[in-house]
């Protein structure tokens, strides 16, 4: 069963009366949901004629299922978070209002405002030369590290290449102290980043053919497997266990996304540093998070009100607030200079350098094929790590599975 709830502790409202009601399906929970609730209330204070009604689906899997079902019966919400592979399906079915049709109106965005977005976010939201959605909750991949533990090992800054990182992880690992050098490093995002930095790609989006089993992909998989199985310097765990062990001092650094800061900060007992992903080859880092889309099933008034909320949410001031409250990154360059966000940069050593990744951020394939293909790749990486099976063999089989599923 899927339980659908309103965001946070929001109390039931009186009848909306003449207000324009905009339903908004999302997957924000915990402190992130609280931050979204606060943002919505601030918007409604400034726009009393609009009633944004958030509906939390608890997680992205539930959100995906509910959206797919609602679209099939032509009853989607007015607004929703959505990953690119979902958007590809909705856009192909003509269920979305491309935002570029709203941007180029009297109540739209100026060319200067559009140019203020980091280019990767515009590219990520573009289909067939049309800007269809806009970035919503975007995060960057980072390493969080224990500053004192690194200093004790002789490091004043975080490694800038993967080779240097491997050396540091070995040095930080201590069987006597019961400490691993790192955790959270083995995942599809890091594999994809290593692959892109070496000139490879996950999937040829034009043909639908997987390419992660190329020589660059095999090298990436073997590198990750070596951290766990040869060096024994990386803890291969799941869920929140690595994060809890990091907070307890049993892991010196963890790979995560910037949004994890919202969960780490209340429990910190040591000085925390943050660093961008190392680079070996061309600069590349795979970003995370969803975009926001407007469905065309609403009335003209609802579509206009939904756009008003989206436009407000992406203002530099709101982006700075959202980023400070959640750990997501501002999607517009000018928001980095906002006084509230400058305080966060001063508070978190290394954040400004980590934000440089916004200029060369990449994203996973947008196609429907990758919606299931990503899980197949994840299973393949887990098999390589846990069983020690040859990376080429496992990646080839995963590529065949994806290709076969695509042909059905």
Protein backbone atom coordinates (compact mmCIF):
# COMPACT_ATOMS: atom_id res chain seq x y z
CA UNK A 1 0.00 0.00 0.00
CA UNK A 2 1.15 3.54 -0.73
CA UNK A 3 0.28 6.06 1.92
CA UNK A 4 -0.05 9.60 0.62
CA UNK A 5 0.28 12.38 3.14
CA UNK A 6 0.51 16.12 3.23
CA UNK A 7 3.98 17.52 3.73
CA UNK A 8 5.18 17.99 7.32
CA UNK A 9 2.69 18.80 10.10
CA UNK A 10 0.59 21.07 7.95
CA UNK A 11 -2.82 21.59 9.50
CA UNK A 12 -5.99 21.12 7.52
CA UNK A 13 -7.01 24.32 5.79
CA UNK A 14 -10.38 25.92 5.54
CA UNK A 15 -12.19 25.79 2.22
CA UNK A 16 -10.08 27.42 -0.43
CA UNK A 17 -12.93 29.67 -1.56
CA UNK A 18 -11.91 31.60 -4.65
CA UNK A 19 -8.26 30.65 -4.37
CA UNK A 20 -6.58 28.92 -7.29
CA UNK A 21 -5.68 25.43 -6.11
CA UNK A 22 -2.42 23.92 -7.39
CA UNK A 23 -1.71 20.30 -6.45
CA UNK A 24 1.98 19.46 -6.09
CA UNK A 25 3.21 15.87 -5.78
CA UNK A 26 6.70 15.44 -4.35
CA UNK A 27 8.93 13.03 -2.44
CA UNK A 28 10.49 15.34 0.14
CA UNK A 29 10.50 14.05 3.72
CA UNK A 30 12.09 14.83 7.10
CA UNK A 31 14.01 18.12 7.25
CA UNK A 32 13.77 18.43 3.47
CA UNK A 33 9.99 18.20 3.62
CA UNK A 34 9.94 20.77 6.43
CA UNK A 35 12.01 23.13 4.30
CA UNK A 36 9.67 22.69 1.34
CA UNK A 37 6.66 23.32 3.57
CA UNK A 38 8.22 26.55 4.83
CA UNK A 39 8.94 27.69 1.28
CA UNK A 40 5.36 27.01 0.19
CA UNK A 41 3.97 28.96 3.12
CA UNK A 42 6.23 31.91 2.30
CA UNK A 43 5.04 31.83 -1.31
CA UNK A 44 1.39 31.75 -0.24
CA UNK A 45 1.92 34.70 2.07
CA UNK A 46 3.18 36.69 -0.89
CA UNK A 47 0.50 35.27 -3.24
CA UNK A 48 -2.67 34.85 -1.15
CA UNK A 49 -4.75 34.12 -4.24
CA UNK A 50 -2.91 30.79 -4.75
CA UNK A 51 -3.25 27.65 -2.65
CA UNK A 52 -0.34 25.21 -3.23
CA UNK A 53 -1.45 21.81 -1.95
CA UNK A 54 1.62 19.58 -1.47
CA UNK A 55 1.18 15.82 -1.38
CA UNK A 56 4.12 13.77 -0.15
CA UNK A 57 4.63 10.36 -1.72
CA UNK A 58 7.30 9.43 0.84
CA UNK A 59 9.90 8.30 -1.70
CA UNK A 60 10.74 8.49 -5.39
CA UNK A 61 9.62 4.95 -6.14
CA UNK A 62 6.12 5.72 -4.86
CA UNK A 63 6.09 9.06 -6.64
CA UNK A 64 7.02 7.39 -9.91
CA UNK A 65 4.31 4.75 -9.58
CA UNK A 66 1.62 7.27 -8.70
CA UNK A 67 2.57 9.67 -11.49
CA UNK A 68 2.66 6.92 -14.12
CA UNK A 69 -0.75 5.70 -13.00
CA UNK A 70 -2.23 9.20 -12.87
CA UNK A 71 -0.97 10.03 -16.35
CA UNK A 72 -2.54 6.86 -17.75
CA UNK A 73 -5.99 7.99 -16.54
CA UNK A 74 -5.32 11.63 -17.45
CA UNK A 75 -5.47 12.77 -13.82
CA UNK A 76 -1.99 13.96 -12.87
CA UNK A 77 -1.34 16.79 -10.41
CA UNK A 78 -0.69 20.32 -11.61
CA UNK A 79 2.96 20.19 -10.52
CA UNK A 80 5.36 17.36 -9.74
CA UNK A 81 8.95 16.48 -9.15
CA UNK A 82 10.24 14.20 -11.89
CA UNK A 83 13.43 12.51 -13.00
CA UNK A 84 14.53 12.93 -16.59
CA UNK A 85 13.58 9.39 -17.63
CA UNK A 86 10.04 10.04 -16.37
CA UNK A 87 9.92 13.37 -18.19
CA UNK A 88 10.88 11.65 -21.44
CA UNK A 89 7.76 9.51 -21.16
CA UNK A 90 5.43 12.34 -20.14
CA UNK A 91 6.75 14.63 -22.85
CA UNK A 92 6.38 11.96 -25.52
CA UNK A 93 2.72 11.59 -24.46
CA UNK A 94 2.21 15.38 -24.69
CA UNK A 95 1.24 15.57 -21.00
CA UNK A 96 3.51 18.47 -20.02
CA UNK A 97 3.46 22.20 -20.61
CA UNK A 98 6.99 22.94 -21.84
CA UNK A 99 8.21 25.78 -19.66
CA UNK A 100 9.72 27.60 -22.60
CA UNK A 101 6.13 28.39 -23.68
CA UNK A 102 5.74 30.21 -20.35
CA UNK A 103 9.20 31.71 -20.21
CA UNK A 104 8.72 33.64 -23.45
CA UNK A 105 5.67 35.58 -22.23
CA UNK A 106 5.20 38.87 -20.42
CA UNK A 107 5.28 36.95 -17.12
CA UNK A 108 8.30 34.87 -18.13
CA UNK A 109 12.06 35.18 -17.72
CA UNK A 110 14.41 37.63 -19.36
CA UNK A 111 17.39 36.43 -21.41
CA UNK A 112 19.62 37.64 -18.54
CA UNK A 113 17.69 35.54 -16.04
CA UNK A 114 17.95 32.46 -18.24
CA UNK A 115 21.68 33.02 -18.66
CA UNK A 116 21.99 33.05 -14.86
CA UNK A 117 21.26 29.30 -14.68
CA UNK A 118 24.26 27.01 -14.65
CA UNK A 119 24.38 25.65 -18.23
CA UNK A 120 24.26 21.95 -17.26
CA UNK A 121 20.84 22.50 -15.66
CA UNK A 122 19.44 24.04 -18.83
CA UNK A 123 20.82 21.20 -20.95
CA UNK A 124 19.47 18.65 -18.48
CA UNK A 125 15.94 20.05 -18.83
CA UNK A 126 15.93 20.35 -22.62
CA UNK A 127 14.26 17.88 -24.99
CA UNK A 128 14.39 18.37 -28.77
CA UNK A 129 15.64 21.93 -28.34
CA UNK A 130 12.75 22.79 -26.00
CA UNK A 131 13.12 23.66 -22.33
CA UNK A 132 10.46 21.33 -20.90
CA UNK A 133 11.08 21.39 -17.14
CA UNK A 134 13.23 23.34 -14.71
CA UNK A 135 15.67 22.16 -12.02
CA UNK A 136 14.13 21.69 -8.59
CA UNK A 137 16.17 19.82 -5.96
CA UNK A 138 19.66 19.42 -7.39
CA UNK A 139 22.70 18.22 -5.50
CA UNK A 140 26.33 17.67 -6.36
CA UNK A 141 28.50 14.67 -5.50
CA UNK A 142 31.00 15.40 -2.75
CA UNK A 143 33.24 13.83 -0.16
CA UNK A 144 32.61 14.72 3.48
CA UNK A 145 35.65 14.16 5.65
CA UNK A 146 36.88 14.36 9.21
CA UNK A 147 39.40 17.23 9.11
CA UNK A 148 41.31 16.08 12.19
CA UNK A 149 41.68 12.48 11.03
CA UNK A 150 43.07 13.65 7.70
CA UNK A 151 45.50 15.99 9.43
CA UNK A 152 46.73 13.18 11.65
CA UNK A 153 47.48 11.20 8.47
CA UNK A 154 49.42 14.14 7.02
CA UNK A 155 46.74 15.65 4.76
CA UNK A 156 45.95 19.36 4.85
CA UNK A 157 43.58 19.06 1.89
CA UNK A 158 41.53 16.38 0.21
CA UNK A 159 43.14 14.51 -2.73
CA UNK A 160 42.48 15.93 -6.18
CA UNK A 161 42.99 12.75 -8.23
CA UNK A 162 41.59 9.24 -7.83
CA UNK A 163 45.11 7.79 -7.58
CA UNK A 164 45.88 10.16 -4.70
CA UNK A 165 42.54 9.27 -3.10
CA UNK A 166 43.33 5.55 -3.18
CA UNK A 167 46.66 6.20 -1.44
CA UNK A 168 45.00 8.33 1.22
CA UNK A 169 42.26 5.78 1.90
CA UNK A 170 44.86 3.10 2.54
CA UNK A 171 46.77 5.41 4.87
CA UNK A 172 43.64 6.32 6.84
CA UNK A 173 42.57 2.69 7.30
CA UNK A 174 43.51 1.30 10.69
CA UNK A 175 42.63 -2.21 11.78
CA UNK A 176 43.90 -1.44 15.27
CA UNK A 177 41.63 1.57 15.60
CA UNK A 178 38.75 -0.17 13.82
CA UNK A 179 38.60 2.54 11.18
CA UNK A 180 38.04 2.43 7.44
CA UNK A 181 39.42 5.08 5.14
CA UNK A 182 36.14 5.65 3.32
CA UNK A 183 32.62 4.51 2.53
CA UNK A 184 29.82 5.20 0.09
CA UNK A 185 32.21 5.28 -2.86
CA UNK A 186 30.92 2.26 -4.78
CA UNK A 187 27.74 3.30 -6.59
CA UNK A 188 26.37 3.97 -10.07
CA UNK A 189 27.07 7.71 -9.81
CA UNK A 190 30.76 7.32 -8.99
CA UNK A 191 31.14 4.59 -11.60
CA UNK A 192 29.54 6.91 -14.15
CA UNK A 193 31.77 9.81 -13.12
CA UNK A 194 34.93 7.70 -13.51
CA UNK A 195 33.62 6.51 -16.87
CA UNK A 196 32.93 10.05 -18.15
CA UNK A 197 36.28 11.34 -16.94
CA UNK A 198 37.97 8.64 -19.03
CA UNK A 199 35.99 9.58 -22.13
CA UNK A 200 33.34 6.85 -21.91
CA UNK A 201 29.56 7.02 -21.63
CA UNK A 202 26.84 5.04 -19.88
CA UNK A 203 24.49 4.77 -22.83
CA UNK A 204 24.29 5.94 -26.40
CA UNK A 205 20.98 7.80 -26.18
CA UNK A 206 20.55 7.90 -29.95
CA UNK A 207 20.72 4.12 -30.39
CA UNK A 208 19.79 2.97 -26.89
CA UNK A 209 22.89 0.78 -26.77
CA UNK A 210 24.73 0.60 -23.42
CA UNK A 211 28.39 1.59 -23.57
CA UNK A 212 29.38 1.22 -19.91
CA UNK A 213 31.12 -2.07 -20.75
CA UNK A 214 33.81 -0.24 -22.73
CA UNK A 215 37.47 -0.38 -21.65
CA UNK A 216 36.88 2.84 -19.67
CA UNK A 217 33.96 1.20 -17.86
CA UNK A 218 35.95 -1.91 -17.05
CA UNK A 219 38.78 0.22 -15.62
CA UNK A 220 36.26 2.15 -13.49
CA UNK A 221 34.66 -1.02 -12.12
CA UNK A 222 38.02 -2.62 -11.36
CA UNK A 223 39.18 0.52 -9.56
CA UNK A 224 36.11 0.49 -7.31
CA UNK A 225 36.43 -3.23 -6.67
CA UNK A 226 40.10 -2.80 -5.73
CA UNK A 227 39.23 -0.27 -3.02
CA UNK A 228 37.01 -2.84 -1.33
CA UNK A 229 38.63 -6.18 -2.08
CA UNK A 230 42.33 -5.50 -2.56
CA UNK A 231 42.96 -2.51 -0.30
CA UNK A 232 40.20 -3.22 2.25
CA UNK A 233 40.15 0.55 2.75
CA UNK A 234 36.54 1.17 1.78
CA UNK A 235 33.53 -0.01 3.73
CA UNK A 236 30.87 -1.42 1.39
CA UNK A 237 27.66 -0.74 3.27
CA UNK A 238 24.14 0.36 2.51
CA UNK A 239 21.53 2.70 3.92
CA UNK A 240 22.49 5.05 6.72
CA UNK A 241 25.06 2.71 8.32
CA UNK A 242 28.12 4.33 6.65
CA UNK A 243 26.84 7.79 7.57
CA UNK A 244 26.38 6.76 11.21
CA UNK A 245 29.83 5.17 11.32
CA UNK A 246 31.31 8.34 9.86
CA UNK A 247 29.66 10.43 12.57
CA UNK A 248 31.03 7.99 15.16
CA UNK A 249 34.59 8.40 13.82
CA UNK A 250 34.85 4.86 12.47
CA UNK A 251 35.17 6.09 8.86
CA UNK A 252 37.42 8.99 7.86
CA UNK A 253 35.45 10.14 4.79
CA UNK A 254 32.24 9.31 2.98
CA UNK A 255 31.13 9.94 -0.55
CA UNK A 256 27.64 11.37 -0.69
CA UNK A 257 25.79 14.35 -2.11
CA UNK A 258 25.68 17.90 -0.81
CA UNK A 259 22.20 17.38 0.59
CA UNK A 260 23.59 14.98 3.23
CA UNK A 261 24.85 18.02 5.12
CA UNK A 262 21.31 18.63 6.38
CA UNK A 263 21.40 15.22 8.07
CA UNK A 264 25.04 15.32 9.24
CA UNK A 265 25.10 18.80 10.75
CA UNK A 266 22.86 18.17 13.82
CA UNK A 267 25.00 15.20 14.91
CA UNK A 268 28.54 16.43 14.28
CA UNK A 269 31.16 16.10 17.02
CA UNK A 270 34.19 16.98 14.87
CA UNK A 271 35.22 19.55 12.27
CA UNK A 272 33.70 18.63 8.93
CA UNK A 273 35.26 19.27 5.55
CA UNK A 274 33.70 18.93 2.10
CA UNK A 275 35.50 18.36 -1.20
CA UNK A 276 34.61 17.86 -4.87
CA UNK A 277 35.14 14.50 -6.51
CA UNK A 278 38.70 13.86 -7.67
CA UNK A 279 39.42 14.23 -11.37
CA UNK A 280 41.60 11.98 -13.49
CA UNK A 281 41.05 12.79 -17.15
CA UNK A 282 38.52 15.38 -18.27
CA UNK A 283 36.52 17.17 -15.53
CA UNK A 284 33.14 15.51 -15.05
CA UNK A 285 30.83 14.74 -12.15
CA UNK A 286 27.37 13.23 -12.28
CA UNK A 287 24.75 15.37 -10.55
CA UNK A 288 21.66 14.23 -8.70
CA UNK A 289 18.11 15.30 -8.02
CA UNK A 290 14.88 15.96 -9.84
CA UNK A 291 13.28 18.67 -11.90
CA UNK A 292 9.83 20.22 -11.67
CA UNK A 293 7.24 19.91 -14.39
CA UNK A 294 3.81 21.39 -15.08
CA UNK A 295 1.10 19.08 -16.41
CA UNK A 296 -1.22 20.43 -19.07
CA UNK A 297 -4.41 18.92 -17.60
CA UNK A 298 -5.00 21.91 -15.31
CA UNK A 299 -7.13 24.93 -16.15
CA UNK A 300 -5.38 27.96 -17.65
CA UNK A 301 -5.58 29.59 -14.23
CA UNK A 302 -3.94 26.59 -12.54
CA UNK A 303 -1.18 26.44 -15.15
CA UNK A 304 -0.50 30.16 -14.68
CA UNK A 305 -0.49 29.77 -10.88
CA UNK A 306 1.81 26.74 -11.08
CA UNK A 307 4.21 28.73 -13.24
CA UNK A 308 4.08 31.63 -10.77
CA UNK A 309 5.22 29.26 -8.01
CA UNK A 310 8.00 27.74 -10.14
CA UNK A 311 9.20 31.16 -11.22
CA UNK A 312 9.23 32.34 -7.59
CA UNK A 313 11.05 29.20 -6.42
CA UNK A 314 13.91 29.69 -8.89
CA UNK A 315 14.50 33.32 -7.92
CA UNK A 316 18.06 33.78 -6.57
CA UNK A 317 16.83 34.74 -3.09
CA UNK A 318 14.60 31.65 -2.82
CA UNK A 319 17.34 29.44 -4.22
CA UNK A 320 19.75 30.68 -1.54
CA UNK A 321 17.19 29.96 1.20
CA UNK A 322 16.38 26.51 -0.19
CA UNK A 323 20.06 25.61 -0.48
CA UNK A 324 20.91 26.75 3.06
CA UNK A 325 17.96 24.88 4.55
CA UNK A 326 18.50 21.62 2.65
CA UNK A 327 22.03 21.25 1.29
CA UNK A 328 20.79 21.25 -2.30
CA UNK A 329 22.72 23.57 -4.58
CA UNK A 330 21.43 26.84 -6.03
CA UNK A 331 20.63 26.39 -9.70
CA UNK A 332 21.40 30.03 -10.52
CA UNK A 333 24.86 31.54 -10.32
CA UNK A 334 23.77 34.82 -8.69
CA UNK A 335 22.33 32.91 -5.71
CA UNK A 336 25.89 31.97 -4.67
CA UNK A 337 26.49 35.64 -3.82
CA UNK A 338 23.42 35.96 -1.61
CA UNK A 339 24.42 36.89 1.98
CA UNK A 340 22.58 33.90 3.43
CA UNK A 341 24.42 31.47 1.18
CA UNK A 342 27.78 33.17 1.77
CA UNK A 343 27.33 32.33 5.47
CA UNK A 344 27.02 28.65 4.58
CA UNK A 345 30.15 28.82 2.42
CA UNK A 346 32.04 30.36 5.35
CA UNK A 347 30.67 27.69 7.70
CA UNK A 348 31.62 24.65 5.61
CA UNK A 349 35.30 24.41 4.59
CA UNK A 350 35.69 23.35 0.99
CA UNK A 351 32.14 24.08 -0.16
CA UNK A 352 33.15 26.84 -2.55
CA UNK A 353 35.61 24.52 -4.29
CA UNK A 354 33.00 21.75 -4.45
CA UNK A 355 30.60 24.16 -6.14
CA UNK A 356 33.03 24.51 -9.06
CA UNK A 357 31.61 21.18 -10.23
CA UNK A 358 28.47 23.05 -11.30
CA UNK A 359 30.32 24.24 -14.38
CA UNK A 360 31.03 20.71 -15.62
CA UNK A 361 28.19 18.74 -14.09
CA UNK A 362 26.78 15.87 -16.15
CA UNK A 363 23.66 13.77 -15.72
CA UNK A 364 22.64 10.21 -16.36
CA UNK A 365 20.77 9.34 -19.59
CA UNK A 366 17.26 10.79 -19.94
CA UNK A 367 15.74 7.92 -21.88
CA UNK A 368 13.10 5.48 -20.68
CA UNK A 369 15.61 2.68 -21.30
CA UNK A 370 17.79 3.97 -18.48
CA UNK A 371 14.87 3.98 -16.02
CA UNK A 372 15.33 0.21 -15.62
CA UNK A 373 18.87 0.08 -17.02
CA UNK A 374 20.28 1.94 -14.02
CA UNK A 375 19.10 -0.81 -11.69
CA UNK A 376 20.71 -3.42 -13.93
CA UNK A 377 24.02 -1.57 -13.76
CA UNK A 378 23.73 -1.28 -9.98
CA UNK A 379 23.20 -5.03 -9.67
CA UNK A 380 26.23 -5.62 -11.90
CA UNK A 381 28.48 -3.43 -9.77
CA UNK A 382 27.32 -5.20 -6.62
CA UNK A 383 28.09 -8.59 -8.20
CA UNK A 384 31.59 -7.43 -9.17
CA UNK A 385 32.28 -6.22 -5.63
CA UNK A 386 30.70 -9.06 -3.66
CA UNK A 387 31.69 -12.06 -5.79
CA UNK A 388 34.92 -10.90 -7.38
CA UNK A 389 33.64 -11.88 -10.83
CA UNK A 390 35.58 -10.34 -13.72
CA UNK A 391 34.32 -6.84 -14.44
CA UNK A 392 34.28 -7.25 -18.23
CA UNK A 393 32.16 -10.39 -18.00
CA UNK A 394 29.61 -8.86 -15.63
CA UNK A 395 29.33 -5.53 -17.47
CA UNK A 396 28.92 -7.31 -20.82
CA UNK A 397 26.07 -9.36 -19.41
CA UNK A 398 24.40 -6.26 -17.93
CA UNK A 399 24.67 -4.51 -21.31
CA UNK A 400 23.07 -7.53 -23.02
CA UNK A 401 20.20 -7.52 -20.52
CA UNK A 402 19.46 -3.84 -21.13
CA UNK A 403 19.69 -4.25 -24.90
CA UNK A 404 17.41 -7.28 -24.78
CA UNK A 405 14.82 -5.51 -22.64
CA UNK A 406 14.88 -2.56 -25.02
CA UNK A 407 14.08 -4.79 -28.01
CA UNK A 408 11.01 -6.35 -26.42
